[in-house]
Amino acid sequence: MKIVERTPDTVLQAEIDAARKRTLHWFDGLAAVNGCPAGVMRIDAAQDSAIWPGMLIPGTYNGILCLNLLDGLHGWSVEQRQALANWFYGFQQADGAFRLPGLTAENAYKKSDPAETWRYIDFHVTNYTMGALEALGAELAAPEFVRPYLEPMVLKSWLSDRDLRDPWQEGNNIVNLASFLLVLDRHADASTRTRIAEALRILFDWHDRHQDPDTGFWGAGQHCDPTRLLHAMAGSMHNYHLYYACDRPLPYQSRAVDYVLSRPTTWHSACIDVDEVDLLIHAAPKLPDRQAAIGQWLRGKLHGLLDHQNPDGGFADTLKSGWRQDGWIGGYEVAPGVSTTFATWFRWIAIAMIDDHLWPGRRQWNFRRMIGIGYRKSLHD
């Protein structure tokens, strides 16, 4: 029998498929106890859910979003999906925000202003929880706390307080707020949609005034320090989602692409890796002269991602630093190199986006509809 040598594409595709199977098996070992419904997950295999029950929420929303991305929810019954959705809704506040039990004013911190701290945390946890609910088939309703931002002066005042010395944090704030506005727009009446359109106009006006034309990013001090430039890229990738979702041309996109292409394709943190990939795959259809370079870079990154899958089937954030839930000071800490649902989902977003770009339609990947991490603008949208 003549042996046909496999192409590099075939090898990479087989590695992706094998890695997916290992991850799906890893999820089987994360089930929580204490009477939680099926589908509730720990953030990592070592988490004691009795001591850290609040970590079950991020453990579960990250896990559900990852399972959905990997097309691992198709066998779930309607009853199982509803029971898990109801579990999530049990942590929703009157204003629509989802809160983690145990995360209190005494141990929450992002900014010296407590209101800014809670706004950031509520935006973040609520966006991801809503994403998981949508993956389960729930019909989303925008949180009530977003409605004041339909008032132009409230939104303009909030934007004036954005601190571009920390563009990564502010990129999260802006994409989360925008995601809630876009969810509200899905079922709004004509009057509310007019107000949403004005809010989006204000958001784009702010972006137009603050974007650096030399880099395509938002952020202070980009030209003075490589770390600030990297963080500006990471934050700006979130801002870009608003442009993609609204089909608005992204100014200076080629500058942003050139920056990422100048970076090594080696494995980095889960956030940085997915930000780089997200930026490139959304830019590729708009920049045909960069497509070959983008494809080559993405192949190198794919190798780096697959090579660092843990033996248990999950992925770690980094090999050098521990991980804690964003904003939870003194909260549950995961040791360096340990697989978490957070890092595993982020790593799979990057792998799936690369696969979807290099070999469109090869495999079913279920990207998020809400903008934010995990969102993939389809060429058919």
Protein backbone atom coordinates (compact mmCIF):
# COMPACT_ATOMS: atom_id res chain seq x y z
CA MET A 1 0.00 0.00 0.00
CA LYS A 2 1.30 3.41 -0.91
CA ILE A 3 1.57 5.71 2.11
CA VAL A 4 0.45 9.25 1.35
CA GLU A 5 2.36 11.80 3.35
CA ARG A 6 0.08 14.02 5.37
CA THR A 7 0.19 17.74 4.69
CA PRO A 8 1.01 20.20 7.48
CA ASP A 9 -2.62 21.31 7.41
CA THR A 10 -3.80 17.77 8.04
CA VAL A 11 -1.40 17.41 10.95
CA LEU A 12 -2.52 20.68 12.54
CA GLN A 13 -6.19 19.82 12.10
CA ALA A 14 -5.68 16.41 13.71
CA GLU A 15 -3.88 18.03 16.65
CA ILE A 16 -6.74 20.47 17.14
CA ASP A 17 -9.32 17.69 17.09
CA ALA A 18 -7.33 15.57 19.54
CA ALA A 19 -6.83 18.55 21.85
CA ARG A 20 -10.58 19.22 21.76
CA LYS A 21 -11.34 15.67 22.88
CA ARG A 22 -8.89 15.97 25.77
CA THR A 23 -10.49 19.22 26.90
CA LEU A 24 -14.01 17.79 26.78
CA HIS A 25 -12.81 14.90 28.94
CA TRP A 26 -11.20 17.34 31.39
CA PHE A 27 -14.52 19.14 31.87
CA ASP A 28 -16.07 15.89 33.11
CA GLY A 29 -13.93 16.13 36.25
CA LEU A 30 -14.95 19.66 37.26
CA ALA A 31 -18.50 19.02 38.44
CA ALA A 32 -19.38 20.82 41.67
CA VAL A 33 -21.05 19.14 44.60
CA ASN A 34 -23.31 20.46 47.40
CA GLY A 35 -26.55 19.90 45.53
CA CYS A 36 -25.75 22.12 42.55
CA PRO A 37 -27.48 21.33 39.23
CA ALA A 38 -25.62 19.48 36.51
CA GLY A 39 -23.29 21.79 34.63
CA VAL A 40 -22.09 23.82 37.62
CA MET A 41 -18.29 23.71 37.54
CA ARG A 42 -15.33 24.54 39.70
CA ILE A 43 -12.78 26.99 38.28
CA ASP A 44 -10.13 24.27 38.61
CA ALA A 45 -9.97 20.71 39.88
CA ALA A 46 -8.62 21.76 43.29
CA GLN A 47 -11.32 24.31 44.19
CA ASP A 48 -13.30 23.43 47.31
CA SER A 49 -16.77 24.62 46.38
CA ALA A 50 -17.89 24.58 50.02
CA ILE A 51 -15.17 27.07 51.00
CA TRP A 52 -15.28 29.13 47.78
CA PRO A 53 -18.88 28.90 46.50
CA GLY A 54 -18.57 32.27 44.75
CA MET A 55 -16.00 30.85 42.36
CA LEU A 56 -18.58 28.43 41.00
CA ILE A 57 -20.10 31.27 38.97
CA PRO A 58 -16.98 32.16 36.95
CA GLY A 59 -16.02 28.50 36.91
CA THR A 60 -19.36 27.76 35.29
CA TYR A 61 -19.78 30.68 32.91
CA ASN A 62 -16.28 30.18 31.56
CA GLY A 63 -16.88 26.45 31.30
CA ILE A 64 -20.25 26.75 29.58
CA LEU A 65 -18.91 29.29 27.10
CA CYS A 66 -16.00 26.97 26.33
CA LEU A 67 -18.21 23.89 25.98
CA ASN A 68 -20.51 25.80 23.67
CA LEU A 69 -17.56 27.00 21.57
CA LEU A 70 -16.39 23.38 21.24
CA ASP A 71 -19.93 22.30 20.27
CA GLY A 72 -20.09 20.32 23.49
CA LEU A 73 -23.61 21.31 24.58
CA HIS A 74 -25.60 19.79 21.74
CA GLY A 75 -26.54 16.72 23.81
CA TRP A 76 -27.94 18.72 26.73
CA SER A 77 -31.68 18.47 27.35
CA VAL A 78 -33.96 21.46 27.60
CA GLU A 79 -34.52 20.63 31.28
CA GLN A 80 -30.78 20.56 32.04
CA ARG A 81 -30.24 23.88 30.29
CA GLN A 82 -33.15 25.49 32.14
CA ALA A 83 -32.02 24.20 35.52
CA LEU A 84 -28.56 25.67 35.02
CA ALA A 85 -29.98 28.95 33.74
CA ASN A 86 -32.17 29.18 36.84
CA TRP A 87 -29.09 28.58 39.00
CA PHE A 88 -27.38 31.56 37.34
CA TYR A 89 -30.47 33.75 37.80
CA GLY A 90 -30.31 33.04 41.52
CA PHE A 91 -27.28 35.37 41.70
CA GLN A 92 -28.85 38.28 39.80
CA GLN A 93 -29.45 41.55 41.64
CA ALA A 94 -32.49 43.81 41.27
CA ASP A 95 -30.64 46.04 38.80
CA GLY A 96 -29.73 43.09 36.58
CA ALA A 97 -26.11 42.66 37.73
CA PHE A 98 -24.80 39.22 38.62
CA ARG A 99 -22.73 39.10 41.81
CA LEU A 100 -20.35 36.47 43.20
CA PRO A 101 -21.13 35.31 46.77
CA GLY A 102 -18.23 36.23 49.02
CA LEU A 103 -17.09 39.15 46.88
CA THR A 104 -17.83 42.07 49.18
CA ALA A 105 -16.93 45.73 49.56
CA GLU A 106 -14.14 44.69 51.93
CA ASN A 107 -12.35 42.49 49.39
CA ALA A 108 -13.26 44.07 46.04
CA TYR A 109 -10.85 46.50 44.40
CA LYS A 110 -10.13 47.88 40.94
CA LYS A 111 -10.08 51.64 41.59
CA SER A 112 -9.89 53.82 44.68
CA ASP A 113 -13.45 54.93 43.93
CA PRO A 114 -15.73 52.12 45.20
CA ALA A 115 -18.37 52.96 42.59
CA GLU A 116 -15.82 52.45 39.81
CA THR A 117 -14.75 49.16 41.38
CA TRP A 118 -18.26 47.75 41.50
CA ARG A 119 -19.12 49.08 38.06
CA TYR A 120 -16.14 47.29 36.54
CA ILE A 121 -16.83 44.02 38.36
CA ASP A 122 -20.57 44.09 37.70
CA PHE A 123 -20.05 44.86 34.02
CA HIS A 124 -17.55 42.02 33.66
CA VAL A 125 -19.36 39.29 35.58
CA THR A 126 -22.70 40.22 34.03
CA ASN A 127 -21.39 40.17 30.44
CA TYR A 128 -19.89 36.70 30.82
CA THR A 129 -22.88 35.32 32.72
CA MET A 130 -25.22 36.61 30.03
CA GLY A 131 -23.00 34.98 27.43
CA ALA A 132 -23.34 31.64 29.21
CA LEU A 133 -27.10 32.09 29.51
CA GLU A 134 -27.34 32.74 25.77
CA ALA A 135 -25.25 29.62 25.10
CA LEU A 136 -27.82 27.68 27.15
CA GLY A 137 -30.62 29.01 24.96
CA ALA A 138 -31.98 31.72 27.25
CA GLU A 139 -33.57 34.82 25.71
CA LEU A 140 -31.47 37.68 26.99
CA ALA A 141 -32.76 40.87 28.55
CA ALA A 142 -30.40 43.80 29.01
CA PRO A 143 -29.66 44.62 32.66
CA GLU A 144 -31.60 47.55 34.03
CA PHE A 145 -28.41 49.29 35.13
CA VAL A 146 -27.59 50.07 31.48
CA ARG A 147 -30.61 52.34 30.95
CA PRO A 148 -29.17 55.48 32.62
CA TYR A 149 -26.41 55.45 29.97
CA LEU A 150 -29.05 56.21 27.35
CA GLU A 151 -29.06 59.73 28.78
CA PRO A 152 -26.41 61.59 26.73
CA MET A 153 -25.04 63.63 29.63
CA VAL A 154 -24.68 60.53 31.81
CA LEU A 155 -22.79 58.70 29.09
CA LYS A 156 -20.58 61.69 28.25
CA SER A 157 -19.75 62.19 31.92
CA TRP A 158 -18.86 58.52 32.30
CA LEU A 159 -16.64 58.61 29.22
CA SER A 160 -14.86 61.71 30.47
CA ASP A 161 -13.77 59.71 33.52
CA ARG A 162 -12.16 56.90 31.52
CA ASP A 163 -8.51 56.63 32.54
CA LEU A 164 -6.42 55.87 29.47
CA ARG A 165 -3.39 55.24 31.63
CA ASP A 166 -5.08 51.87 32.09
CA PRO A 167 -6.45 51.14 28.60
CA TRP A 168 -6.84 47.42 29.26
CA GLN A 169 -9.29 48.02 32.10
CA GLU A 170 -11.13 50.75 30.21
CA GLY A 171 -11.36 48.60 27.09
CA ASN A 172 -13.20 46.05 29.21
CA ASN A 173 -15.49 48.73 30.63
CA ILE A 174 -16.38 50.08 27.20
CA VAL A 175 -16.97 46.76 25.44
CA ASN A 176 -19.11 45.53 28.32
CA LEU A 177 -21.28 48.65 28.32
CA ALA A 178 -21.59 48.50 24.54
CA SER A 179 -22.55 44.83 24.69
CA PHE A 180 -25.47 45.64 27.01
CA LEU A 181 -26.62 48.44 24.70
CA LEU A 182 -26.58 46.07 21.72
CA VAL A 183 -28.55 43.44 23.65
CA LEU A 184 -31.07 46.11 24.63
CA ASP A 185 -31.38 47.05 20.97
CA ARG A 186 -32.48 43.53 19.99
CA HIS A 187 -36.01 43.92 21.32
CA ALA A 188 -36.32 47.66 21.96
CA ASP A 189 -39.15 49.83 20.70
CA ALA A 190 -38.51 52.55 18.14
CA SER A 191 -38.06 55.29 20.71
CA THR A 192 -35.49 53.31 22.71
CA ARG A 193 -33.62 52.34 19.56
CA THR A 194 -33.27 56.01 18.68
CA ARG A 195 -31.71 56.61 22.10
CA ILE A 196 -29.41 53.61 21.68
CA ALA A 197 -28.29 54.92 18.29
CA GLU A 198 -27.41 58.25 19.91
CA ALA A 199 -25.49 56.47 22.68
CA LEU A 200 -23.50 54.56 20.07
CA ARG A 201 -22.81 57.81 18.20
CA ILE A 202 -21.40 59.29 21.40
CA LEU A 203 -19.26 56.20 21.97
CA PHE A 204 -17.80 56.37 18.46
CA ASP A 205 -17.18 60.09 18.78
CA TRP A 206 -15.18 59.47 21.95
CA HIS A 207 -13.18 56.76 20.21
CA ASP A 208 -12.46 58.94 17.20
CA ARG A 209 -11.08 61.69 19.44
CA HIS A 210 -8.83 59.46 21.55
CA GLN A 211 -7.41 56.88 19.13
CA ASP A 212 -3.67 57.14 18.44
CA PRO A 213 -3.19 57.23 14.64
CA ASP A 214 0.37 55.90 14.94
CA THR A 215 -0.74 52.63 16.54
CA GLY A 216 -4.50 52.34 16.10
CA PHE A 217 -4.81 51.91 19.87
CA TRP A 218 -6.21 53.83 22.81
CA GLY A 219 -3.97 54.44 25.79
CA ALA A 220 -1.54 56.93 27.30
CA GLY A 221 2.22 56.51 27.05
CA GLN A 222 2.23 53.98 24.21
CA HIS A 223 5.35 55.48 22.63
CA CYS A 224 7.31 55.58 25.89
CA ASP A 225 7.13 52.02 27.18
CA PRO A 226 6.74 48.58 25.51
CA THR A 227 4.50 47.30 28.31
CA ARG A 228 2.15 50.26 27.94
CA LEU A 229 1.99 49.62 24.20
CA LEU A 230 1.18 45.96 24.80
CA HIS A 231 -1.56 46.87 27.27
CA ALA A 232 -2.94 49.43 24.84
CA MET A 233 -3.22 46.66 22.24
CA ALA A 234 -4.92 44.33 24.72
CA GLY A 235 -7.43 46.97 25.76
CA SER A 236 -8.07 48.25 22.25
CA MET A 237 -8.94 44.80 20.95
CA HIS A 238 -12.05 45.06 23.15
CA ASN A 239 -12.91 48.51 21.80
CA TYR A 240 -12.63 47.13 18.27
CA HIS A 241 -15.57 44.79 18.85
CA LEU A 242 -17.93 47.74 18.80
CA TYR A 243 -16.66 48.63 15.32
CA TYR A 244 -17.04 45.07 14.08
CA ALA A 245 -20.55 44.64 15.46
CA CYS A 246 -21.73 47.95 13.98
CA ASP A 247 -20.01 47.38 10.60
CA ARG A 248 -18.04 50.57 11.05
CA PRO A 249 -14.62 50.89 9.38
CA LEU A 250 -11.82 50.70 11.94
CA PRO A 251 -9.34 53.57 11.51
CA TYR A 252 -5.63 52.71 11.45
CA GLN A 253 -6.34 48.98 11.46
CA SER A 254 -3.21 48.24 9.44
CA ARG A 255 -1.06 49.89 12.13
CA ALA A 256 -2.54 47.60 14.76
CA VAL A 257 -1.93 44.56 12.57
CA ASP A 258 1.68 45.52 11.97
CA TYR A 259 2.25 45.72 15.71
CA VAL A 260 0.91 42.22 16.36
CA LEU A 261 2.83 40.79 13.41
CA SER A 262 6.00 42.24 14.93
CA ARG A 263 5.48 40.19 18.09
CA PRO A 264 6.77 36.62 18.54
CA THR A 265 4.26 33.81 18.15
CA THR A 266 5.37 32.23 21.41
CA TRP A 267 2.88 31.30 24.13
CA HIS A 268 1.99 34.22 26.42
CA SER A 269 -0.82 34.82 28.92
CA ALA A 270 -4.30 33.61 28.00
CA CYS A 271 -5.52 37.19 27.60
CA ILE A 272 -2.67 38.45 25.44
CA ASP A 273 -2.75 35.40 23.17
CA VAL A 274 -6.46 35.65 22.44
CA ASP A 275 -6.24 39.44 21.98
CA GLU A 276 -3.53 39.07 19.35
CA VAL A 277 -5.43 36.38 17.46
CA ASP A 278 -8.76 38.22 17.66
CA LEU A 279 -7.18 41.39 16.27
CA LEU A 280 -5.61 39.58 13.32
CA ILE A 281 -8.50 37.38 12.25
CA HIS A 282 -10.93 40.31 12.22
CA ALA A 283 -8.47 42.43 10.24
CA ALA A 284 -7.56 39.83 7.62
CA PRO A 285 -10.69 40.23 5.41
CA LYS A 286 -10.20 44.00 5.38
CA LEU A 287 -6.48 43.96 4.54
CA PRO A 288 -5.81 41.59 1.62
CA ASP A 289 -2.18 42.71 1.38
CA ARG A 290 -1.59 41.42 4.93
CA GLN A 291 -3.39 38.09 4.57
CA ALA A 292 -0.31 35.97 3.80
CA ALA A 293 1.64 37.42 6.71
CA ILE A 294 -1.37 37.04 9.01
CA GLY A 295 -1.85 33.41 8.00
CA GLN A 296 1.80 32.60 8.61
CA TRP A 297 1.76 34.30 12.01
CA LEU A 298 -1.42 32.50 13.04
CA ARG A 299 0.09 29.12 12.16
CA GLY A 300 3.03 29.87 14.41
CA LYS A 301 0.71 30.92 17.24
CA LEU A 302 -1.37 27.77 16.78
CA HIS A 303 1.71 25.64 17.38
CA GLY A 304 2.49 27.63 20.51
CA LEU A 305 -1.03 27.17 21.86
CA LEU A 306 -1.33 23.45 21.16
CA ASP A 307 2.12 22.72 22.56
CA HIS A 308 1.08 24.06 25.97
CA GLN A 309 -2.07 22.04 26.59
CA ASN A 310 -1.74 20.46 30.03
CA PRO A 311 -1.75 16.65 30.31
CA ASP A 312 -5.18 16.84 32.01
CA GLY A 313 -6.66 18.41 28.86
CA GLY A 314 -7.09 21.96 30.14
CA PHE A 315 -4.96 25.05 29.71
CA ALA A 316 -3.26 27.38 32.18
CA ASP A 317 -3.13 31.16 32.16
CA THR A 318 0.64 31.40 32.61
CA LEU A 319 3.42 29.18 33.93
CA LYS A 320 4.89 31.88 36.18
CA SER A 321 2.04 33.76 37.86
CA GLY A 322 -0.94 32.68 39.93
CA TRP A 323 -4.47 33.66 38.91
CA ARG A 324 -7.34 35.26 40.81
CA GLN A 325 -10.79 36.43 39.77
CA ASP A 326 -10.45 39.96 38.46
CA GLY A 327 -11.19 42.47 41.22
CA TRP A 328 -11.36 39.95 44.09
CA ILE A 329 -8.51 40.87 46.42
CA GLY A 330 -7.49 37.93 48.56
CA GLY A 331 -9.87 35.67 46.71
CA TYR A 332 -9.31 32.11 45.60
CA GLU A 333 -5.88 31.75 44.00
CA VAL A 334 -4.93 29.24 41.33
CA ALA A 335 -1.28 28.22 41.21
CA PRO A 336 0.82 28.91 38.09
CA GLY A 337 0.47 26.32 35.35
CA VAL A 338 -2.84 24.89 36.63
CA SER A 339 -5.71 24.35 34.21
CA THR A 340 -8.72 26.61 34.78
CA THR A 341 -12.02 27.03 32.94
CA PHE A 342 -11.06 30.67 32.42
CA ALA A 343 -7.73 29.99 30.69
CA THR A 344 -9.08 26.96 28.84
CA TRP A 345 -11.91 28.97 27.32
CA PHE A 346 -9.61 31.84 26.35
CA ARG A 347 -7.08 29.48 24.78
CA TRP A 348 -9.79 27.69 22.83
CA ILE A 349 -11.17 30.98 21.51
CA ALA A 350 -7.74 31.64 19.99
CA ILE A 351 -7.41 28.10 18.60
CA ALA A 352 -10.96 28.11 17.19
CA MET A 353 -10.52 31.51 15.57
CA ILE A 354 -7.31 30.37 13.90
CA ASP A 355 -8.97 27.16 12.69
CA ASP A 356 -11.99 29.08 11.42
CA HIS A 357 -9.73 31.53 9.58
CA LEU A 358 -7.33 29.01 8.03
CA TRP A 359 -9.93 26.37 7.17
CA PRO A 360 -13.41 27.99 7.06
CA GLY A 361 -16.22 25.55 7.74
CA ARG A 362 -13.92 22.66 8.69
CA ARG A 363 -15.47 22.34 12.14
CA GLN A 364 -18.46 23.72 14.02
CA TRP A 365 -17.28 26.49 16.34
CA ASN A 366 -19.97 28.36 18.29
CA PHE A 367 -18.61 31.85 18.91
CA ARG A 368 -20.41 34.33 21.14
CA ARG A 369 -23.05 36.68 19.75
CA MET A 370 -22.42 39.30 22.44
CA ILE A 371 -19.36 41.45 21.89
CA GLY A 372 -16.49 40.87 24.29
CA ILE A 373 -14.08 37.97 24.64
CA GLY A 374 -15.26 35.06 22.51
CA TYR A 375 -17.10 37.20 19.93
CA ARG A 376 -16.30 36.40 16.30
CA LYS A 377 -17.73 38.60 13.57
CA SER A 378 -18.96 36.21 10.91
CA LEU A 379 -18.41 37.07 7.27
CA HIS A 380 -22.11 36.28 6.83
CA ASP A 381 -23.37 38.64 9.56
